[in-house]
PDB file of all heavy atoms in Angstrom:
ATOM      1  N   SER A   1       0.797  -1.222   0.018  1.00  0.00           N
ATOM      2  CA  SER A   1      -0.012   0.011  -0.005  1.00  0.00           C
ATOM      3  C   SER A   1       0.820   1.275   0.014  1.00  0.00           C
ATOM      4  O   SER A   1       0.442   2.261   0.546  1.00  0.00           O
ATOM      5  CB  SER A   1      -0.954   0.013   1.185  1.00  0.00           C
ATOM      6  OG  SER A   1      -1.800  -1.090   1.165  1.00  0.00           O
ATOM      7  N   GLY A   2       1.974   1.234  -0.649  1.00  0.00           N
ATOM      8  CA  GLY A   2       2.814   2.418  -0.676  1.00  0.00           C
ATOM      9  C   GLY A   2       2.424   3.379  -1.775  1.00  0.00           C
ATOM     10  O   GLY A   2       1.962   4.471  -1.548  1.00  0.00           O
ATOM     11  N   GLY A   3       2.597   2.963  -3.003  1.00  0.00           N
ATOM     12  CA  GLY A   3       2.313   3.836  -4.117  1.00  0.00           C
ATOM     13  C   GLY A   3       3.364   4.894  -4.259  1.00  0.00           C
ATOM     14  O   GLY A   3       4.235   5.071  -3.422  1.00  0.00           O
ATOM     15  N   GLY A   4       3.274   5.603  -5.369  1.00  0.00           N
ATOM     16  CA  GLY A   4       4.244   6.662  -5.613  1.00  0.00           C
ATOM     17  C   GLY A   4       3.694   7.630  -6.645  1.00  0.00           C
ATOM     18  O   GLY A   4       2.636   7.387  -7.213  1.00  0.00           O
ATOM     19  N   GLY A   5       4.379   8.672  -6.880  1.00  0.00           N
ATOM     20  CA  GLY A   5       3.942   9.681  -7.792  1.00  0.00           C
ATOM     21  C   GLY A   5       4.502   9.559  -9.210  1.00  0.00           C
ATOM     22  O   GLY A   5       4.582  10.527  -9.929  1.00  0.00           O
ATOM     23  N   ASN A   6       4.899   8.352  -9.567  1.00  0.00           N
ATOM     24  CA  ASN A   6       5.536   8.178 -10.886  1.00  0.00           C
ATOM     25  C   ASN A   6       4.549   7.699 -11.977  1.00  0.00           C
ATOM     26  O   ASN A   6       4.995   7.237 -13.013  1.00  0.00           O
ATOM     27  CB  ASN A   6       6.717   7.217 -10.763  1.00  0.00           C
ATOM     28  CG  ASN A   6       6.338   5.860 -10.238  1.00  0.00           C
ATOM     29  OD1 ASN A   6       5.215   5.670  -9.713  1.00  0.00           O
ATOM     30  ND2 ASN A   6       7.207   4.872 -10.349  1.00  0.00           N
ATOM     31  N   ALA A   7       3.296   7.748 -11.708  1.00  0.00           N
ATOM     32  CA  ALA A   7       2.243   7.457 -12.743  1.00  0.00           C
ATOM     33  C   ALA A   7       2.402   6.095 -13.359  1.00  0.00           C
ATOM     34  O   ALA A   7       2.356   5.949 -14.579  1.00  0.00           O
ATOM     35  CB  ALA A   7       2.268   8.562 -13.786  1.00  0.00           C
ATOM     36  N   GLY A   8       2.525   5.077 -12.542  1.00  0.00           N
ATOM     37  CA  GLY A   8       2.574   3.713 -13.094  1.00  0.00           C
ATOM     38  C   GLY A   8       2.887   2.683 -12.052  1.00  0.00           C
ATOM     39  O   GLY A   8       3.260   2.988 -10.927  1.00  0.00           O
ATOM     40  N   GLU A   9       2.749   1.441 -12.436  1.00  0.00           N
ATOM     41  CA  GLU A   9       3.126   0.311 -11.623  1.00  0.00           C
ATOM     42  C   GLU A   9       3.968  -0.629 -12.464  1.00  0.00           C
ATOM     43  O   GLU A   9       4.028  -0.531 -13.676  1.00  0.00           O
ATOM     44  CB  GLU A   9       1.870  -0.452 -11.097  1.00  0.00           C
ATOM     45  CG  GLU A   9       1.010   0.353 -10.178  1.00  0.00           C
ATOM     46  CD  GLU A   9       1.603   0.531  -8.786  1.00  0.00           C
ATOM     47  OE1 GLU A   9       2.598  -0.107  -8.442  1.00  0.00           O
ATOM     48  OE2 GLU A   9       1.061   1.367  -8.016  1.00  0.00           O
ATOM     49  N   SER A  10       4.634  -1.565 -11.826  1.00  0.00           N
ATOM     50  CA  SER A  10       5.584  -2.464 -12.475  1.00  0.00           C
ATOM     51  C   SER A  10       4.894  -3.767 -13.010  1.00  0.00           C
ATOM     52  O   SER A  10       5.312  -4.856 -12.641  1.00  0.00           O
ATOM     53  CB  SER A  10       6.741  -2.816 -11.539  1.00  0.00           C
ATOM     54  OG  SER A  10       7.437  -1.636 -11.225  1.00  0.00           O
ATOM     55  N   TYR A  11       3.922  -3.611 -13.836  1.00  0.00           N
ATOM     56  CA  TYR A  11       3.317  -4.746 -14.487  1.00  0.00           C
ATOM     57  C   TYR A  11       4.396  -5.499 -15.313  1.00  0.00           C
ATOM     58  O   TYR A  11       4.248  -6.693 -15.568  1.00  0.00           O
ATOM     59  CB  TYR A  11       2.140  -4.331 -15.383  1.00  0.00           C
ATOM     60  CG  TYR A  11       1.059  -3.588 -14.647  1.00  0.00           C
ATOM     61  CD1 TYR A  11       0.985  -2.212 -14.646  1.00  0.00           C
ATOM     62  CD2 TYR A  11       0.112  -4.287 -13.914  1.00  0.00           C
ATOM     63  CE1 TYR A  11       0.003  -1.512 -13.957  1.00  0.00           C
ATOM     64  CE2 TYR A  11      -0.893  -3.631 -13.218  1.00  0.00           C
ATOM     65  CZ  TYR A  11      -0.921  -2.221 -13.236  1.00  0.00           C
ATOM     66  OH  TYR A  11      -1.919  -1.565 -12.556  1.00  0.00           O
ATOM     67  N   LEU A  12       5.415  -4.773 -15.688  1.00  0.00           N
ATOM     68  CA  LEU A  12       6.513  -5.373 -16.447  1.00  0.00           C
ATOM     69  C   LEU A  12       7.181  -6.503 -15.660  1.00  0.00           C
ATOM     70  O   LEU A  12       7.713  -7.432 -16.277  1.00  0.00           O
ATOM     71  CB  LEU A  12       7.543  -4.316 -16.818  1.00  0.00           C
ATOM     72  CG  LEU A  12       7.084  -3.192 -17.733  1.00  0.00           C
ATOM     73  CD1 LEU A  12       8.224  -2.244 -18.028  1.00  0.00           C
ATOM     74  CD2 LEU A  12       6.463  -3.698 -19.007  1.00  0.00           C
ATOM     75  N   LEU A  13       7.157  -6.410 -14.336  1.00  0.00           N
ATOM     76  CA  LEU A  13       7.737  -7.487 -13.537  1.00  0.00           C
ATOM     77  C   LEU A  13       6.986  -8.807 -13.742  1.00  0.00           C
ATOM     78  O   LEU A  13       7.578  -9.872 -13.794  1.00  0.00           O
ATOM     79  CB  LEU A  13       7.737  -7.138 -12.064  1.00  0.00           C
ATOM     80  CG  LEU A  13       8.765  -6.099 -11.624  1.00  0.00           C
ATOM     81  CD1 LEU A  13       8.489  -5.680 -10.175  1.00  0.00           C
ATOM     82  CD2 LEU A  13      10.195  -6.642 -11.766  1.00  0.00           C
ATOM     83  N   ALA A  14       5.667  -8.734 -13.888  1.00  0.00           N
ATOM     84  CA  ALA A  14       4.867  -9.921 -14.160  1.00  0.00           C
ATOM     85  C   ALA A  14       5.206 -10.483 -15.530  1.00  0.00           C
ATOM     86  O   ALA A  14       5.379 -11.676 -15.691  1.00  0.00           O
ATOM     87  CB  ALA A  14       3.381  -9.578 -14.070  1.00  0.00           C
ATOM     88  N   TRP A  15       5.353  -9.601 -16.496  1.00  0.00           N
ATOM     89  CA  TRP A  15       5.693 -10.053 -17.839  1.00  0.00           C
ATOM     90  C   TRP A  15       7.122 -10.667 -17.873  1.00  0.00           C
ATOM     91  O   TRP A  15       7.320 -11.713 -18.472  1.00  0.00           O
ATOM     92  CB  TRP A  15       5.625  -8.910 -18.826  1.00  0.00           C
ATOM     93  CG  TRP A  15       4.240  -8.351 -19.064  1.00  0.00           C
ATOM     94  CD1 TRP A  15       3.059  -8.825 -18.523  1.00  0.00           C
ATOM     95  CD2 TRP A  15       3.883  -7.215 -19.803  1.00  0.00           C
ATOM     96  NE1 TRP A  15       2.005  -8.065 -18.920  1.00  0.00           N
ATOM     97  CE2 TRP A  15       2.473  -7.058 -19.700  1.00  0.00           C
ATOM     98  CE3 TRP A  15       4.591  -6.295 -20.551  1.00  0.00           C
ATOM     99  CZ2 TRP A  15       1.800  -6.027 -20.329  1.00  0.00           C
ATOM    100  CZ3 TRP A  15       3.927  -5.272 -21.195  1.00  0.00           C
ATOM    101  CH2 TRP A  15       2.551  -5.158 -21.084  1.00  0.00           C
ATOM    102  N   TYR A  16       8.045 -10.019 -17.192  1.00  0.00           N
ATOM    103  CA  TYR A  16       9.413 -10.523 -17.150  1.00  0.00           C
ATOM    104  C   TYR A  16       9.443 -11.902 -16.490  1.00  0.00           C
ATOM    105  O   TYR A  16      10.053 -12.829 -17.022  1.00  0.00           O
ATOM    106  CB  TYR A  16      10.305  -9.546 -16.392  1.00  0.00           C
ATOM    107  CG  TYR A  16      11.750 -10.009 -16.352  1.00  0.00           C
ATOM    108  CD1 TYR A  16      12.632  -9.645 -17.345  1.00  0.00           C
ATOM    109  CD2 TYR A  16      12.191 -10.807 -15.307  1.00  0.00           C
ATOM    110  CE1 TYR A  16      13.958 -10.045 -17.320  1.00  0.00           C
ATOM    111  CE2 TYR A  16      13.525 -11.272 -15.282  1.00  0.00           C
ATOM    112  CZ  TYR A  16      14.405 -10.853 -16.285  1.00  0.00           C
ATOM    113  OH  TYR A  16      15.708 -11.307 -16.270  1.00  0.00           O
ATOM    114  N   PHE A  17       8.769 -12.020 -15.360  1.00  0.00           N
ATOM    115  CA  PHE A  17       8.765 -13.280 -14.662  1.00  0.00           C
ATOM    116  C   PHE A  17       8.154 -14.383 -15.524  1.00  0.00           C
ATOM    117  O   PHE A  17       8.679 -15.485 -15.663  1.00  0.00           O
ATOM    118  CB  PHE A  17       8.001 -13.172 -13.337  1.00  0.00           C
ATOM    119  CG  PHE A  17       7.972 -14.451 -12.538  1.00  0.00           C
ATOM    120  CD1 PHE A  17       9.051 -14.813 -11.781  1.00  0.00           C
ATOM    121  CD2 PHE A  17       6.897 -15.318 -12.644  1.00  0.00           C
ATOM    122  CE1 PHE A  17       9.040 -16.020 -11.037  1.00  0.00           C
ATOM    123  CE2 PHE A  17       6.873 -16.506 -11.919  1.00  0.00           C
ATOM    124  CZ  PHE A  17       7.941 -16.848 -11.135  1.00  0.00           C
ATOM    125  N   ALA A  18       6.998 -14.102 -16.130  1.00  0.00           N
ATOM    126  CA  ALA A  18       6.339 -15.097 -16.981  1.00  0.00           C
ATOM    127  C   ALA A  18       7.190 -15.474 -18.189  1.00  0.00           C
ATOM    128  O   ALA A  18       7.289 -16.670 -18.560  1.00  0.00           O
ATOM    129  CB  ALA A  18       4.989 -14.580 -17.412  1.00  0.00           C
ATOM    130  N   ALA A  19       7.826 -14.500 -18.806  1.00  0.00           N
ATOM    131  CA  ALA A  19       8.593 -14.752 -20.017  1.00  0.00           C
ATOM    132  C   ALA A  19       9.874 -15.555 -19.716  1.00  0.00           C
ATOM    133  O   ALA A  19      10.256 -16.445 -20.495  1.00  0.00           O
ATOM    134  CB  ALA A  19       8.978 -13.431 -20.685  1.00  0.00           C
ATOM    135  N   PHE A  20      10.552 -15.280 -18.600  1.00  0.00           N
ATOM    136  CA  PHE A  20      11.877 -15.824 -18.377  1.00  0.00           C
ATOM    137  C   PHE A  20      12.015 -16.781 -17.185  1.00  0.00           C
ATOM    138  O   PHE A  20      13.048 -17.392 -17.009  1.00  0.00           O
ATOM    139  CB  PHE A  20      12.869 -14.697 -18.219  1.00  0.00           C
ATOM    140  CG  PHE A  20      12.979 -13.812 -19.433  1.00  0.00           C
ATOM    141  CD1 PHE A  20      12.580 -12.486 -19.354  1.00  0.00           C
ATOM    142  CD2 PHE A  20      13.438 -14.287 -20.651  1.00  0.00           C
ATOM    143  CE1 PHE A  20      12.647 -11.663 -20.468  1.00  0.00           C
ATOM    144  CE2 PHE A  20      13.533 -13.495 -21.746  1.00  0.00           C
ATOM    145  CZ  PHE A  20      13.101 -12.152 -21.684  1.00  0.00           C
ATOM    146  N   HIS A  21      10.946 -16.888 -16.365  1.00  0.00           N
ATOM    147  CA  HIS A  21      11.074 -17.687 -15.140  1.00  0.00           C
ATOM    148  C   HIS A  21       9.939 -18.684 -14.959  1.00  0.00           C
ATOM    149  O   HIS A  21       9.731 -19.124 -13.813  1.00  0.00           O
ATOM    150  CB  HIS A  21      11.201 -16.782 -13.890  1.00  0.00           C
ATOM    151  CG  HIS A  21      12.483 -16.002 -13.875  1.00  0.00           C
ATOM    152  ND1 HIS A  21      13.640 -16.538 -13.416  1.00  0.00           N
ATOM    153  CD2 HIS A  21      12.761 -14.744 -14.288  1.00  0.00           C
ATOM    154  CE1 HIS A  21      14.602 -15.630 -13.558  1.00  0.00           C
ATOM    155  NE2 HIS A  21      14.083 -14.540 -14.062  1.00  0.00           N
ATOM    156  N   THR A  22       9.214 -18.991 -15.991  1.00  0.00           N
ATOM    157  CA  THR A  22       8.215 -20.054 -15.901  1.00  0.00           C
ATOM    158  C   THR A  22       8.432 -21.072 -16.998  1.00  0.00           C
ATOM    159  O   THR A  22       8.931 -20.718 -18.091  1.00  0.00           O
ATOM    160  CB  THR A  22       6.768 -19.511 -16.026  1.00  0.00           C
ATOM    161  OG1 THR A  22       6.600 -18.891 -17.340  1.00  0.00           O
ATOM    162  CG2 THR A  22       6.467 -18.511 -14.937  1.00  0.00           C
ATOM    163  N   ARG A  23       8.070 -22.307 -16.690  1.00  0.00           N
ATOM    164  CA  ARG A  23       8.104 -23.375 -17.675  1.00  0.00           C
ATOM    165  C   ARG A  23       6.835 -24.200 -17.468  1.00  0.00           C
ATOM    166  O   ARG A  23       6.448 -24.474 -16.329  1.00  0.00           O
ATOM    167  CB  ARG A  23       9.312 -24.297 -17.457  1.00  0.00           C
ATOM    168  CG  ARG A  23      10.621 -23.585 -17.759  1.00  0.00           C
ATOM    169  CD  ARG A  23      11.752 -24.519 -17.553  1.00  0.00           C
ATOM    170  NE  ARG A  23      11.583 -25.665 -18.437  1.00  0.00           N
ATOM    171  CZ  ARG A  23      12.581 -26.335 -18.979  1.00  0.00           C
ATOM    172  NH1 ARG A  23      13.793 -26.042 -18.754  1.00  0.00           N
ATOM    173  NH2 ARG A  23      12.326 -27.359 -19.780  1.00  0.00           N
ATOM    174  N   THR A  24       6.168 -24.534 -18.539  1.00  0.00           N
ATOM    175  CA  THR A  24       4.981 -25.342 -18.475  1.00  0.00           C
ATOM    176  C   THR A  24       5.059 -26.503 -19.506  1.00  0.00           C
ATOM    177  O   THR A  24       5.659 -26.336 -20.550  1.00  0.00           O
ATOM    178  CB  THR A  24       3.723 -24.521 -18.781  1.00  0.00           C
ATOM    179  OG1 THR A  24       3.762 -24.058 -20.144  1.00  0.00           O
ATOM    180  CG2 THR A  24       3.592 -23.321 -17.851  1.00  0.00           C
ATOM    181  N   ASP A  25       4.496 -27.623 -19.101  1.00  0.00           N
ATOM    182  CA  ASP A  25       4.441 -28.758 -20.017  1.00  0.00           C
ATOM    183  C   ASP A  25       3.684 -28.403 -21.304  1.00  0.00           C
ATOM    184  O   ASP A  25       4.090 -28.785 -22.411  1.00  0.00           O
ATOM    185  CB  ASP A  25       3.775 -29.955 -19.400  1.00  0.00           C
ATOM    186  CG  ASP A  25       4.664 -30.668 -18.388  1.00  0.00           C
ATOM    187  OD1 ASP A  25       5.866 -30.419 -18.401  1.00  0.00           O
ATOM    188  OD2 ASP A  25       4.117 -31.459 -17.620  1.00  0.00           O
ATOM    189  N   ALA A  26       2.623 -27.608 -21.165  1.00  0.00           N
ATOM    190  CA  ALA A  26       1.789 -27.273 -22.319  1.00  0.00           C
ATOM    191  C   ALA A  26       2.633 -26.562 -23.368  1.00  0.00           C
ATOM    192  O   ALA A  26       2.517 -26.827 -24.561  1.00  0.00           O
ATOM    193  CB  ALA A  26       0.610 -26.389 -21.888  1.00  0.00           C
ATOM    194  N   PHE A  27       3.497 -25.654 -22.945  1.00  0.00           N
ATOM    195  CA  PHE A  27       4.320 -24.950 -23.923  1.00  0.00           C
ATOM    196  C   PHE A  27       5.567 -25.754 -24.326  1.00  0.00           C
ATOM    197  O   PHE A  27       5.858 -25.875 -25.507  1.00  0.00           O
ATOM    198  CB  PHE A  27       4.758 -23.577 -23.381  1.00  0.00           C
ATOM    199  CG  PHE A  27       5.455 -22.760 -24.434  1.00  0.00           C
ATOM    200  CD1 PHE A  27       4.704 -22.077 -25.390  1.00  0.00           C
ATOM    201  CD2 PHE A  27       6.829 -22.707 -24.509  1.00  0.00           C
ATOM    202  CE1 PHE A  27       5.319 -21.343 -26.390  1.00  0.00           C
ATOM    203  CE2 PHE A  27       7.470 -21.987 -25.520  1.00  0.00           C
ATOM    204  CZ  PHE A  27       6.725 -21.309 -26.433  1.00  0.00           C
ATOM    205  N   GLU A  28       6.228 -26.334 -23.360  1.00  0.00           N
ATOM    206  CA  GLU A  28       7.492 -27.051 -23.645  1.00  0.00           C
ATOM    207  C   GLU A  28       7.226 -28.253 -24.558  1.00  0.00           C
ATOM    208  O   GLU A  28       8.006 -28.551 -25.466  1.00  0.00           O
ATOM    209  CB  GLU A  28       8.149 -27.517 -22.344  1.00  0.00           C
ATOM    210  CG  GLU A  28       8.552 -26.391 -21.421  1.00  0.00           C
ATOM    211  CD  GLU A  28       9.640 -25.506 -21.974  1.00  0.00           C
ATOM    212  OE1 GLU A  28      10.494 -26.019 -22.712  1.00  0.00           O
ATOM    213  OE2 GLU A  28       9.601 -24.287 -21.749  1.00  0.00           O
ATOM    214  N   LYS A  29       6.131 -28.961 -24.329  1.00  0.00           N
ATOM    215  CA  LYS A  29       5.862 -30.195 -25.089  1.00  0.00           C
ATOM    216  C   LYS A  29       4.958 -29.990 -26.291  1.00  0.00           C
ATOM    217  O   LYS A  29       5.070 -30.721 -27.287  1.00  0.00           O
ATOM    218  CB  LYS A  29       5.207 -31.249 -24.181  1.00  0.00           C
ATOM    219  CG  LYS A  29       6.152 -31.699 -23.051  1.00  0.00           C
ATOM    220  CD  LYS A  29       5.464 -32.716 -22.144  1.00  0.00           C
ATOM    221  CE  LYS A  29       6.406 -33.142 -21.034  1.00  0.00           C
ATOM    222  NZ  LYS A  29       5.757 -34.074 -20.105  1.00  0.00           N
ATOM    223  N   ARG A  30       4.041 -29.012 -26.227  1.00  0.00           N
ATOM    224  CA  ARG A  30       3.067 -28.864 -27.299  1.00  0.00           C
ATOM    225  C   ARG A  30       2.960 -27.466 -27.901  1.00  0.00           C
ATOM    226  O   ARG A  30       2.109 -27.188 -28.713  1.00  0.00           O
ATOM    227  CB  ARG A  30       1.674 -29.278 -26.784  1.00  0.00           C
ATOM    228  CG  ARG A  30       1.628 -30.750 -26.372  1.00  0.00           C
ATOM    229  CD  ARG A  30       0.286 -31.135 -25.807  1.00  0.00           C
ATOM    230  NE  ARG A  30      -0.122 -30.354 -24.675  1.00  0.00           N
ATOM    231  CZ  ARG A  30       0.332 -30.505 -23.422  1.00  0.00           C
ATOM    232  NH1 ARG A  30       1.242 -31.408 -23.158  1.00  0.00           N
ATOM    233  NH2 ARG A  30      -0.114 -29.758 -22.457  1.00  0.00           N
ATOM    234  N   LYS A  31       3.807 -26.538 -27.408  1.00  0.00           N
ATOM    235  CA  LYS A  31       3.815 -25.158 -27.883  1.00  0.00           C
ATOM    236  C   LYS A  31       2.427 -24.485 -27.725  1.00  0.00           C
ATOM    237  O   LYS A  31       2.031 -23.658 -28.529  1.00  0.00           O
ATOM    238  CB  LYS A  31       4.248 -25.059 -29.352  1.00  0.00           C
ATOM    239  CG  LYS A  31       5.657 -25.561 -29.592  1.00  0.00           C
ATOM    240  CD  LYS A  31       6.666 -24.768 -28.814  1.00  0.00           C
ATOM    241  CE  LYS A  31       8.084 -25.261 -29.066  1.00  0.00           C
ATOM    242  NZ  LYS A  31       8.975 -25.005 -27.961  1.00  0.00           N
ATOM    243  N   GLN A  32       1.716 -24.827 -26.650  1.00  0.00           N
ATOM    244  CA  GLN A  32       0.415 -24.231 -26.345  1.00  0.00           C
ATOM    245  C   GLN A  32       0.666 -23.138 -25.316  1.00  0.00           C
ATOM    246  O   GLN A  32       1.218 -23.366 -24.238  1.00  0.00           O
ATOM    247  CB  GLN A  32      -0.584 -25.268 -25.831  1.00  0.00           C
ATOM    248  CG  GLN A  32      -0.900 -26.267 -26.897  1.00  0.00           C
ATOM    249  CD  GLN A  32      -1.685 -27.439 -26.327  1.00  0.00           C
ATOM    250  OE1 GLN A  32      -1.575 -27.740 -25.148  1.00  0.00           O
ATOM    251  NE2 GLN A  32      -2.470 -28.121 -27.155  1.00  0.00           N
ATOM    252  N   LYS A  33       0.207 -21.943 -25.660  1.00  0.00           N
ATOM    253  CA  LYS A  33       0.404 -20.801 -24.762  1.00  0.00           C
ATOM    254  C   LYS A  33      -0.505 -20.866 -23.562  1.00  0.00           C
ATOM    255  O   LYS A  33      -1.588 -21.398 -23.593  1.00  0.00           O
ATOM    256  CB  LYS A  33       0.116 -19.499 -25.515  1.00  0.00           C
ATOM    257  CG  LYS A  33       1.096 -19.156 -26.607  1.00  0.00           C
ATOM    258  CD  LYS A  33       0.756 -17.857 -27.228  1.00  0.00           C
ATOM    259  CE  LYS A  33       1.722 -17.459 -28.297  1.00  0.00           C
ATOM    260  NZ  LYS A  33       1.374 -16.140 -28.871  1.00  0.00           N
ATOM    261  N   GLY A  34       0.001 -20.275 -22.473  1.00  0.00           N
ATOM    262  CA  GLY A  34      -0.815 -20.105 -21.273  1.00  0.00           C
ATOM    263  C   GLY A  34      -1.558 -18.782 -21.369  1.00  0.00           C
ATOM    264  O   GLY A  34      -1.541 -18.077 -22.398  1.00  0.00           O
ATOM    265  N   ILE A  35      -2.213 -18.410 -20.266  1.00  0.00           N
ATOM    266  CA  ILE A  35      -2.931 -17.155 -20.182  1.00  0.00           C
ATOM    267  C   ILE A  35      -2.398 -16.376 -18.992  1.00  0.00           C
ATOM    268  O   ILE A  35      -2.280 -16.886 -17.899  1.00  0.00           O
ATOM    269  CB  ILE A  35      -4.458 -17.404 -20.016  1.00  0.00           C
ATOM    270  CG1 ILE A  35      -4.998 -18.309 -21.119  1.00  0.00           C
ATOM    271  CG2 ILE A  35      -5.200 -16.085 -19.989  1.00  0.00           C
ATOM    272  CD1 ILE A  35      -6.427 -18.726 -20.879  1.00  0.00           C
ATOM    273  N   LEU A  36      -2.063 -15.116 -19.244  1.00  0.00           N
ATOM    274  CA  LEU A  36      -1.534 -14.261 -18.202  1.00  0.00           C
ATOM    275  C   LEU A  36      -2.456 -13.064 -18.055  1.00  0.00           C
ATOM    276  O   LEU A  36      -2.824 -12.393 -19.050  1.00  0.00           O
ATOM    277  CB  LEU A  36      -0.136 -13.803 -18.626  1.00  0.00           C
ATOM    278  CG  LEU A  36       0.639 -12.910 -17.649  1.00  0.00           C
ATOM    279  CD1 LEU A  36       2.118 -13.137 -17.824  1.00  0.00           C
ATOM    280  CD2 LEU A  36       0.324 -11.457 -17.823  1.00  0.00           C
ATOM    281  N   PHE A  37      -2.885 -12.785 -16.846  1.00  0.00           N
ATOM    282  CA  PHE A  37      -3.733 -11.639 -16.497  1.00  0.00           C
ATOM    283  C   PHE A  37      -2.967 -10.723 -15.552  1.00  0.00           C
ATOM    284  O   PHE A  37      -2.408 -11.186 -14.564  1.00  0.00           O
ATOM    285  CB  PHE A  37      -5.011 -12.056 -15.790  1.00  0.00           C
ATOM    286  CG  PHE A  37      -5.943 -12.911 -16.584  1.00  0.00           C
ATOM    287  CD1 PHE A  37      -5.857 -14.290 -16.545  1.00  0.00           C
ATOM    288  CD2 PHE A  37      -6.898 -12.322 -17.384  1.00  0.00           C
ATOM    289  CE1 PHE A  37      -6.729 -15.072 -17.265  1.00  0.00           C
ATOM    290  CE2 PHE A  37      -7.781 -13.108 -18.114  1.00  0.00           C
ATOM    291  CZ  PHE A  37      -7.710 -14.476 -18.059  1.00  0.00           C
ATOM    292  N   THR A  38      -2.987  -9.453 -15.841  1.00  0.00           N
ATOM    293  CA  THR A  38      -2.659  -8.450 -14.840  1.00  0.00           C
ATOM    294  C   THR A  38      -3.930  -7.680 -14.531  1.00  0.00           C
ATOM    295  O   THR A  38      -4.784  -7.565 -15.379  1.00  0.00           O
ATOM    296  CB  THR A  38      -1.528  -7.493 -15.297  1.00  0.00           C
ATOM    297  OG1 THR A  38      -1.867  -6.905 -16.538  1.00  0.00           O
ATOM    298  CG2 THR A  38      -0.194  -8.222 -15.423  1.00  0.00           C
ATOM    299  N   VAL A  39      -3.997  -7.172 -13.328  1.00  0.00           N
ATOM    300  CA  VAL A  39      -5.194  -6.446 -12.903  1.00  0.00           C
ATOM    301  C   VAL A  39      -4.727  -5.184 -12.207  1.00  0.00           C
ATOM    302  O   VAL A  39      -3.819  -5.240 -11.340  1.00  0.00           O
ATOM    303  CB  VAL A  39      -6.035  -7.313 -11.888  1.00  0.00           C
ATOM    304  CG1 VAL A  39      -7.268  -6.525 -11.431  1.00  0.00           C
ATOM    305  CG2 VAL A  39      -6.420  -8.617 -12.514  1.00  0.00           C
ATOM    306  N   GLY A  40      -5.305  -4.041 -12.543  1.00  0.00           N
ATOM    307  CA  GLY A  40      -4.903  -2.827 -11.871  1.00  0.00           C
ATOM    308  C   GLY A  40      -5.623  -1.607 -12.371  1.00  0.00           C
ATOM    309  O   GLY A  40      -6.526  -1.681 -13.222  1.00  0.00           O
ATOM    310  N   ASP A  41      -5.171  -0.464 -11.829  1.00  0.00           N
ATOM    311  CA  ASP A  41      -5.826   0.806 -12.134  1.00  0.00           C
ATOM    312  C   ASP A  41      -4.845   1.867 -12.525  1.00  0.00           C
ATOM    313  O   ASP A  41      -5.162   3.054 -12.542  1.00  0.00           O
ATOM    314  CB  ASP A  41      -6.666   1.275 -10.970  1.00  0.00           C
ATOM    315  CG  ASP A  41      -5.819   1.502  -9.691  1.00  0.00           C
ATOM    316  OD1 ASP A  41      -4.625   1.241  -9.722  1.00  0.00           O
ATOM    317  OD2 ASP A  41      -6.425   1.967  -8.689  1.00  0.00           O
ATOM    318  N   GLU A  42      -3.615   1.484 -12.850  1.00  0.00           N
ATOM    319  CA  GLU A  42      -2.594   2.451 -13.233  1.00  0.00           C
ATOM    320  C   GLU A  42      -1.958   2.016 -14.545  1.00  0.00           C
ATOM    321  O   GLU A  42      -2.053   0.844 -14.922  1.00  0.00           O
ATOM    322  CB  GLU A  42      -1.515   2.585 -12.165  1.00  0.00           C
ATOM    323  CG  GLU A  42      -2.029   3.251 -10.902  1.00  0.00           C
ATOM    324  CD  GLU A  42      -0.898   3.804 -10.089  1.00  0.00           C
ATOM    325  OE1 GLU A  42       0.145   4.268 -10.677  1.00  0.00           O
ATOM    326  OE2 GLU A  42      -1.009   3.781  -8.848  1.00  0.00           O
ATOM    327  N   PRO A  43      -1.289   2.941 -15.244  1.00  0.00           N
ATOM    328  CA  PRO A  43      -0.580   2.531 -16.457  1.00  0.00           C
ATOM    329  C   PRO A  43       0.621   1.703 -16.136  1.00  0.00           C
ATOM    330  O   PRO A  43       1.105   1.642 -15.017  1.00  0.00           O
ATOM    331  CB  PRO A  43      -0.201   3.853 -17.116  1.00  0.00           C
ATOM    332  CG  PRO A  43      -0.421   4.911 -16.106  1.00  0.00           C
ATOM    333  CD  PRO A  43      -1.241   4.378 -14.987  1.00  0.00           C
TER     334      PRO A  43
END
């Protein structure tokens, strides 16, 4: 609950983590994509 005055949040951390730090059988074995949701109220 800190927040800041920089007009945004780090949704990019979710994208970075999903892109480079997850592995799934669906993608590794069958090239089937997963689904990623971010939820928020800032850019």
